[in-house]
Amino acid sequence: MALRLGDYVVRGEMDNRHGYATVGWLELRGSGEFLRVELTGDLSEDLKGKRIRFECSKSGYKSLEQKSASEGAFPDRYVGATATMTADHRVKVFDCPIGEFYMRCKMGEPAPTFWRRCLYLEWYGNCGRVLVELPDASVWIVEGEGEEERMHRLPDIEEGPEEVANWEGEDGASEIEIVEVERVDDEKTRVTRTRVSKGDEQSEGLGESEDLYSLFSDEFKEMIGVSDGKADGGFREEVTQMEEVWEGKANGDSLRDLIGQRPDFEALSEAEAENVLKIAVGKMGLLNIAYHVCEHMTPREACRYLWERLGDCQVHHQMEGGSWFCHFSTADGCPRCAEVMEREELDFESQKENTDED
């Protein structure tokens, strides 16, 4: 089951301009805080190599829910691997509350629906599968920095209303059909149709409950010290466990035990190597372990570095579901990164000497 944040997001940003990494932030409604996103991997093809900013609070469609995160308990940082992260999805929306829409469908007078762009952000990491779906969001491509920053908005989909037909199931029960259109590439489009009958009114998301932890299994809640959606004061215990890790008293496993044995890199294509890397990074994310790939390494090289240079590093299951994160980076063993750092240090020393002379 996915952790769905779409109904809570007000605005955010994703930046994929610097190597094989996507970083950004999300602002949740009612929280007053920004959630940090640090992912390994690129955005999907339509956004790859770009920086995007999005805003979803201006849509006038009443079918789009807006929930407050003020009573929830959301992690303040997300690490892991990118999955599908695109602005090319299309969804149908309607200009009335969901309950009213369903009742009108039962009466045989369904409200008209409209195709609109849907920003679809999906990744796997410390919270398992995370999904941010933002129908009818305003999306901008951001270029430049600071005072030279320029924003170009992606055009809206200007399609008129579409009448809804065939709302009676085979047994006469009312059904709602959810249609999702996803562009696979320039020539192919994938259409997914889901029918929801009267007996399936409860949505897959949080529904009427504002309890974030209802999304997780009882075993996971027990592991992170959560009961009935509320923390039980396990923070002190977490600190004690982390002190044992820092002091070398906690027993750990090798990173290789977590991600599996070394693949045959010579037999893997570039796409296969990238897939192997993302699966490994997703597993690492479950233990709050982030993997940063510098701008000088390809996904294949980063995959090989992970197994050959970091495979013997210790990881600790005590970090799972906690507040602390462990970071590994290819920059620590990259000769070109070392050269860049050396040049920056020399430039800094030179500027410092010139300042002292003045």
Protein backbone atom coordinates (compact mmCIF):
# COMPACT_ATOMS: atom_id res chain seq x y z
CA MET A 1 0.00 0.00 0.00
CA ALA A 2 1.29 3.44 -0.89
CA LEU A 3 1.69 6.47 1.33
CA ARG A 4 -0.41 8.98 -0.64
CA LEU A 5 0.46 12.63 -0.01
CA GLY A 6 -1.37 14.28 -2.90
CA ASP A 7 -4.37 15.52 -0.90
CA TYR A 8 -2.02 17.26 1.57
CA VAL A 9 0.43 18.99 -0.79
CA VAL A 10 0.10 22.74 -1.38
CA ARG A 11 3.20 23.31 -3.49
CA GLY A 12 6.68 21.97 -4.04
CA GLU A 13 9.72 21.66 -6.22
CA MET A 14 11.84 18.91 -7.82
CA ASP A 15 15.32 19.51 -9.26
CA ASN A 16 16.99 16.99 -11.59
CA ARG A 17 19.67 19.24 -13.10
CA HIS A 18 22.70 17.90 -11.24
CA GLY A 19 23.63 14.35 -12.11
CA TYR A 20 21.69 11.21 -11.32
CA ALA A 21 19.75 12.75 -8.46
CA THR A 22 16.40 14.40 -7.81
CA VAL A 23 16.12 16.73 -4.83
CA GLY A 24 13.31 18.99 -3.75
CA TRP A 25 10.74 19.90 -1.15
CA LEU A 26 7.03 19.62 -0.44
CA GLU A 27 4.86 21.96 1.59
CA LEU A 28 1.92 20.25 3.29
CA ARG A 29 -1.31 22.06 4.04
CA GLY A 30 -1.63 23.04 7.70
CA SER A 31 1.88 21.94 8.71
CA GLY A 32 3.84 25.15 8.12
CA GLU A 33 6.93 23.06 7.37
CA PHE A 34 8.73 21.87 4.26
CA LEU A 35 9.48 18.19 3.73
CA ARG A 36 12.86 17.44 2.18
CA VAL A 37 13.11 14.98 -0.73
CA GLU A 38 16.53 13.47 -1.61
CA LEU A 39 16.25 10.74 -4.24
CA THR A 40 18.62 8.72 -6.39
CA GLY A 41 17.56 8.71 -10.04
CA ASP A 42 16.17 10.98 -12.73
CA LEU A 43 12.74 12.39 -13.39
CA SER A 44 10.82 10.78 -16.26
CA GLU A 45 11.67 11.71 -19.84
CA ASP A 46 9.37 14.75 -20.10
CA LEU A 47 11.03 16.34 -17.05
CA LYS A 48 14.49 14.76 -17.09
CA GLY A 49 17.31 17.21 -16.45
CA LYS A 50 14.89 19.97 -15.45
CA ARG A 51 13.86 21.83 -12.35
CA ILE A 52 10.11 22.06 -11.83
CA ARG A 53 7.94 23.99 -9.41
CA PHE A 54 4.29 23.19 -8.84
CA GLU A 55 1.27 24.68 -7.13
CA CYS A 56 -2.00 22.84 -6.60
CA SER A 57 -4.12 25.10 -4.39
CA LYS A 58 -5.62 27.18 -7.20
CA SER A 59 -7.69 24.51 -8.91
CA GLY A 60 -11.41 25.30 -8.88
CA TYR A 61 -12.58 21.71 -9.26
CA LYS A 62 -14.54 20.69 -6.18
CA SER A 63 -13.77 17.00 -6.71
CA LEU A 64 -10.14 17.53 -5.64
CA GLU A 65 -9.78 16.92 -1.92
CA GLN A 66 -7.68 19.21 0.26
CA LYS A 67 -6.71 17.74 3.60
CA SER A 68 -4.75 19.28 6.46
CA ALA A 69 -1.57 17.66 7.73
CA SER A 70 -1.71 19.51 11.06
CA GLU A 71 -2.80 16.42 12.98
CA GLY A 72 -0.66 13.93 11.06
CA ALA A 73 2.85 12.68 11.75
CA PHE A 74 4.79 12.88 8.50
CA PRO A 75 8.55 12.25 8.20
CA ASP A 76 10.42 15.48 7.49
CA ARG A 77 12.74 13.80 4.97
CA TYR A 78 12.30 11.26 2.22
CA VAL A 79 15.18 9.26 0.71
CA GLY A 80 15.14 6.44 -1.80
CA ALA A 81 14.92 5.88 -5.56
CA THR A 82 12.78 7.60 -8.16
CA ALA A 83 10.07 5.68 -9.99
CA THR A 84 7.59 7.36 -12.36
CA MET A 85 7.86 11.13 -11.98
CA THR A 86 6.08 12.85 -14.84
CA ALA A 87 3.78 15.72 -15.75
CA ASP A 88 2.40 13.80 -18.75
CA HIS A 89 -0.36 11.91 -16.94
CA ARG A 90 -3.98 12.76 -17.70
CA VAL A 91 -6.94 12.27 -15.37
CA LYS A 92 -10.63 13.14 -15.39
CA VAL A 93 -11.96 15.61 -12.84
CA PHE A 94 -15.47 16.91 -12.17
CA ASP A 95 -16.77 20.15 -10.71
CA CYS A 96 -18.68 18.84 -7.70
CA PRO A 97 -17.88 16.99 -4.45
CA ILE A 98 -17.23 13.26 -4.79
CA GLY A 99 -20.34 12.35 -2.79
CA GLU A 100 -22.55 14.47 -5.03
CA PHE A 101 -20.94 12.98 -8.13
CA TYR A 102 -21.66 9.46 -6.92
CA MET A 103 -25.28 10.25 -6.08
CA ARG A 104 -25.82 11.85 -9.51
CA CYS A 105 -24.38 8.74 -11.13
CA LYS A 106 -26.84 6.58 -9.16
CA MET A 107 -29.67 8.80 -10.39
CA GLY A 108 -28.55 8.38 -13.98
CA GLU A 109 -27.56 12.05 -14.32
CA PRO A 110 -23.76 12.02 -13.95
CA ALA A 111 -21.90 15.31 -13.89
CA PRO A 112 -19.67 16.10 -16.89
CA THR A 113 -16.00 15.26 -16.52
CA PHE A 114 -12.93 17.07 -17.83
CA TRP A 115 -9.49 15.78 -18.85
CA ARG A 116 -6.74 17.60 -16.98
CA ARG A 117 -3.00 17.29 -16.52
CA CYS A 118 -1.90 15.29 -13.46
CA LEU A 119 1.55 15.69 -11.95
CA TYR A 120 2.53 12.17 -10.87
CA LEU A 121 5.50 11.77 -8.49
CA GLU A 122 6.35 8.28 -7.24
CA TRP A 123 9.36 6.93 -5.36
CA TYR A 124 10.44 4.08 -3.08
CA GLY A 125 12.39 4.62 0.12
CA ASN A 126 12.14 5.11 3.86
CA CYS A 127 8.33 5.08 3.78
CA GLY A 128 8.03 2.32 1.23
CA ARG A 129 6.11 3.43 -1.86
CA VAL A 130 5.25 7.14 -1.76
CA LEU A 131 2.86 8.65 -4.28
CA VAL A 132 2.04 12.31 -4.91
CA GLU A 133 -0.76 12.71 -7.47
CA LEU A 134 -1.74 16.32 -8.19
CA PRO A 135 -4.60 16.64 -10.72
CA ASP A 136 -4.99 20.05 -12.37
CA ALA A 137 -1.78 21.35 -10.79
CA SER A 138 0.07 24.36 -12.17
CA VAL A 139 3.55 23.22 -13.22
CA TRP A 140 6.45 25.48 -14.19
CA ILE A 141 9.86 24.73 -15.67
CA VAL A 142 12.36 26.85 -13.73
CA GLU A 143 15.54 28.11 -15.39
CA GLY A 144 18.35 30.13 -13.89
CA GLU A 145 18.99 31.03 -10.28
CA GLY A 146 18.25 33.95 -7.97
CA GLU A 147 17.51 37.21 -9.76
CA GLU A 148 17.98 35.53 -13.15
CA GLU A 149 15.37 32.89 -12.41
CA ARG A 150 12.77 32.42 -15.15
CA MET A 151 9.64 30.28 -15.01
CA HIS A 152 7.77 28.80 -17.98
CA ARG A 153 4.40 27.28 -17.20
CA LEU A 154 3.39 24.03 -18.87
CA PRO A 155 0.21 24.63 -20.89
CA ASP A 156 -3.14 23.47 -19.55
CA ILE A 157 -5.13 20.82 -21.35
CA GLU A 158 -7.94 22.66 -23.06
CA GLU A 159 -10.51 19.92 -23.53
CA GLY A 160 -14.20 20.46 -22.98
CA PRO A 161 -16.55 18.45 -20.79
CA GLU A 162 -17.11 14.81 -21.58
CA GLU A 163 -20.41 13.21 -20.74
CA VAL A 164 -20.20 10.13 -18.55
CA ALA A 165 -22.01 7.08 -19.88
CA ASN A 166 -22.71 3.49 -18.86
CA TRP A 167 -22.82 3.82 -15.10
CA GLU A 168 -24.79 0.65 -14.53
CA GLY A 169 -22.86 -2.55 -13.85
CA GLU A 170 -23.90 -5.96 -15.11
CA ASP A 171 -25.90 -6.62 -11.94
CA GLY A 172 -27.56 -3.20 -12.05
CA ALA A 173 -25.31 -1.75 -9.33
CA SER A 174 -23.97 1.74 -9.90
CA GLU A 175 -20.33 1.91 -10.85
CA ILE A 176 -17.80 4.69 -11.35
CA GLU A 177 -15.06 4.25 -13.91
CA ILE A 178 -11.69 5.86 -13.15
CA VAL A 179 -9.63 6.36 -16.31
CA GLU A 180 -5.89 7.16 -16.17
CA VAL A 181 -3.90 7.89 -19.32
CA GLU A 182 -0.11 7.59 -19.19
CA ARG A 183 2.24 8.43 -22.04
CA VAL A 184 4.76 5.57 -22.32
CA ASP A 185 6.82 7.16 -25.11
CA ASP A 186 6.30 9.31 -28.20
CA GLU A 187 4.31 6.58 -29.93
CA LYS A 188 2.58 4.64 -27.16
CA THR A 189 -0.04 5.56 -24.58
CA ARG A 190 -1.20 3.34 -21.72
CA VAL A 191 -4.84 3.60 -20.59
CA THR A 192 -5.84 2.16 -17.20
CA ARG A 193 -9.53 1.80 -16.36
CA THR A 194 -10.73 1.03 -12.83
CA ARG A 195 -14.39 0.52 -11.93
CA VAL A 196 -15.54 1.27 -8.39
CA SER A 197 -18.89 -0.18 -7.37
CA LYS A 198 -21.19 0.89 -4.55
CA GLY A 199 -19.58 -1.63 -2.21
CA ASP A 200 -16.15 -0.10 -2.73
CA GLU A 201 -16.86 3.44 -1.61
CA GLN A 202 -13.97 3.51 0.86
CA SER A 203 -10.98 4.94 -0.94
CA GLU A 204 -7.52 3.45 -0.86
CA GLY A 205 -6.07 6.56 0.79
CA LEU A 206 -6.64 7.84 4.29
CA GLY A 207 -10.41 8.04 3.78
CA GLU A 208 -12.19 9.66 6.69
CA SER A 209 -9.35 8.89 9.06
CA GLU A 210 -6.63 11.48 9.54
CA ASP A 211 -4.36 8.83 11.02
CA LEU A 212 -1.29 8.60 8.82
CA TYR A 213 -0.21 5.35 10.47
CA SER A 214 -3.34 3.59 9.28
CA LEU A 215 -1.44 3.16 6.02
CA PHE A 216 1.09 0.83 7.64
CA SER A 217 0.90 -2.72 8.90
CA ASP A 218 0.58 -3.50 12.62
CA GLU A 219 4.09 -5.00 12.55
CA PHE A 220 5.57 -1.79 11.16
CA LYS A 221 3.70 0.36 13.70
CA GLU A 222 4.92 -1.86 16.52
CA MET A 223 8.48 -1.63 15.25
CA ILE A 224 8.55 2.19 15.22
CA GLY A 225 6.69 2.48 18.51
CA VAL A 226 3.35 3.74 17.25
CA SER A 227 0.00 2.62 18.64
CA ASP A 228 -3.37 3.77 17.30
CA GLY A 229 -1.70 6.46 15.22
CA LYS A 230 0.10 8.17 18.11
CA ALA A 231 3.73 8.01 19.13
CA ASP A 232 4.14 6.34 22.50
CA GLY A 233 7.20 8.23 23.65
CA GLY A 234 9.68 5.98 21.89
CA PHE A 235 12.02 8.85 21.03
CA ARG A 236 14.18 8.26 24.11
CA GLU A 237 14.50 4.59 23.21
CA GLU A 238 15.49 5.57 19.68
CA VAL A 239 18.24 7.86 21.01
CA THR A 240 19.57 5.03 23.17
CA GLN A 241 19.66 2.68 20.20
CA MET A 242 21.45 5.23 18.03
CA GLU A 243 24.04 5.87 20.76
CA GLU A 244 24.84 2.16 20.65
CA VAL A 245 25.28 2.42 16.88
CA TRP A 246 27.58 5.46 17.14
CA GLU A 247 29.69 3.84 19.85
CA GLY A 248 30.05 0.60 17.89
CA LYS A 249 28.13 -1.47 20.44
CA ALA A 250 25.25 -2.42 18.14
CA ASN A 251 25.50 -5.46 15.91
CA GLY A 252 25.06 -4.61 12.26
CA ASP A 253 24.91 -6.40 8.94
CA SER A 254 26.92 -5.70 5.83
CA LEU A 255 25.29 -3.57 3.18
CA ARG A 256 25.74 -6.51 0.82
CA ASP A 257 23.48 -8.62 3.05
CA LEU A 258 20.76 -6.04 2.51
CA ILE A 259 21.08 -5.46 -1.24
CA GLY A 260 22.14 -8.97 -2.29
CA GLN A 261 25.17 -10.47 -3.98
CA ARG A 262 27.14 -8.66 -6.65
CA PRO A 263 25.39 -8.73 -10.04
CA ASP A 264 27.19 -9.67 -13.24
CA PHE A 265 27.65 -6.10 -14.44
CA GLU A 266 29.19 -7.17 -17.76
CA ALA A 267 25.97 -8.99 -18.67
CA LEU A 268 23.67 -6.08 -17.79
CA SER A 269 22.49 -3.44 -20.22
CA GLU A 270 22.45 0.20 -19.12
CA ALA A 271 18.72 0.01 -18.40
CA GLU A 272 19.10 -3.25 -16.46
CA ALA A 273 21.97 -1.83 -14.39
CA GLU A 274 19.87 1.22 -13.56
CA ASN A 275 16.98 -1.01 -12.50
CA VAL A 276 19.27 -3.07 -10.24
CA LEU A 277 20.59 0.15 -8.70
CA LYS A 278 17.12 1.52 -7.99
CA ILE A 279 15.96 -1.71 -6.37
CA ALA A 280 19.02 -1.65 -4.11
CA VAL A 281 18.54 2.03 -3.22
CA GLY A 282 14.87 1.37 -2.42
CA LYS A 283 15.90 -1.37 0.01
CA MET A 284 18.49 0.93 1.57
CA GLY A 285 15.87 3.64 1.98
CA LEU A 286 13.82 1.35 4.23
CA LEU A 287 16.72 1.60 6.72
CA ASN A 288 16.97 5.40 6.28
CA ILE A 289 20.07 5.02 4.12
CA ALA A 290 20.52 7.52 1.28
CA TYR A 291 22.81 6.98 -1.70
CA HIS A 292 24.02 10.09 -3.52
CA VAL A 293 25.43 9.76 -7.04
CA CYS A 294 27.84 12.50 -8.12
CA GLU A 295 27.64 14.19 -11.53
CA HIS A 296 30.63 12.24 -12.85
CA MET A 297 29.16 8.72 -12.58
CA THR A 298 26.61 6.95 -14.73
CA PRO A 299 23.98 4.71 -13.12
CA ARG A 300 26.06 1.66 -14.13
CA GLU A 301 29.20 3.08 -12.52
CA ALA A 302 27.24 4.05 -9.40
CA CYS A 303 25.81 0.54 -9.23
CA ARG A 304 29.25 -1.04 -9.44
CA TYR A 305 30.61 1.41 -6.84
CA LEU A 306 27.80 0.46 -4.46
CA TRP A 307 28.64 -3.24 -4.50
CA GLU A 308 32.41 -3.10 -4.88
CA ARG A 309 33.30 -0.13 -2.66
CA LEU A 310 30.48 0.01 -0.12
CA GLY A 311 29.32 -3.61 0.11
CA ASP A 312 31.24 -4.29 3.33
CA CYS A 313 29.94 -1.20 5.16
CA GLN A 314 27.79 -1.92 8.19
CA VAL A 315 24.11 -1.06 8.28
CA HIS A 316 21.81 -1.21 11.30
CA HIS A 317 18.15 -2.15 11.38
CA GLN A 318 17.74 0.09 14.45
CA MET A 319 17.53 3.02 12.01
CA GLU A 320 14.42 1.70 10.30
CA GLY A 321 11.48 4.05 10.81
CA GLY A 322 13.56 6.44 12.91
CA SER A 323 14.64 10.08 12.72
CA TRP A 324 18.30 9.53 11.81
CA PHE A 325 19.68 8.99 8.33
CA CYS A 326 22.89 7.48 6.99
CA HIS A 327 24.38 8.89 3.78
CA PHE A 328 26.70 7.21 1.28
CA SER A 329 28.08 9.10 -1.72
CA THR A 330 30.07 8.19 -4.81
CA ALA A 331 31.86 11.54 -4.42
CA ASP A 332 33.92 10.03 -1.59
CA GLY A 333 35.69 7.77 -4.10
CA CYS A 334 35.44 9.80 -7.30
CA PRO A 335 38.80 11.17 -8.63
CA ARG A 336 37.09 13.96 -10.57
CA CYS A 337 35.19 15.08 -7.47
CA ALA A 338 38.51 15.11 -5.60
CA GLU A 339 40.03 17.34 -8.30
CA VAL A 340 37.10 19.74 -8.12
CA MET A 341 37.38 19.92 -4.33
CA GLU A 342 41.12 20.54 -4.53
CA ARG A 343 40.63 23.41 -7.00
CA GLU A 344 37.95 24.94 -4.79
CA GLU A 345 40.25 24.75 -1.76
CA LEU A 346 43.07 26.44 -3.71
CA ASP A 347 40.69 29.17 -4.89
CA PHE A 348 39.47 29.70 -1.34
CA GLU A 349 43.02 29.99 0.02
CA SER A 350 43.94 32.41 -2.77
CA GLN A 351 40.91 34.61 -2.05
CA LYS A 352 41.70 34.51 1.65
CA GLU A 353 45.29 35.66 1.05
CA ASN A 354 44.11 38.52 -1.16
CA THR A 355 41.63 39.58 1.52
CA ASP A 356 44.34 39.53 4.21
CA GLU A 357 46.63 41.66 2.05
CA ASP A 358 43.89 44.25 1.57
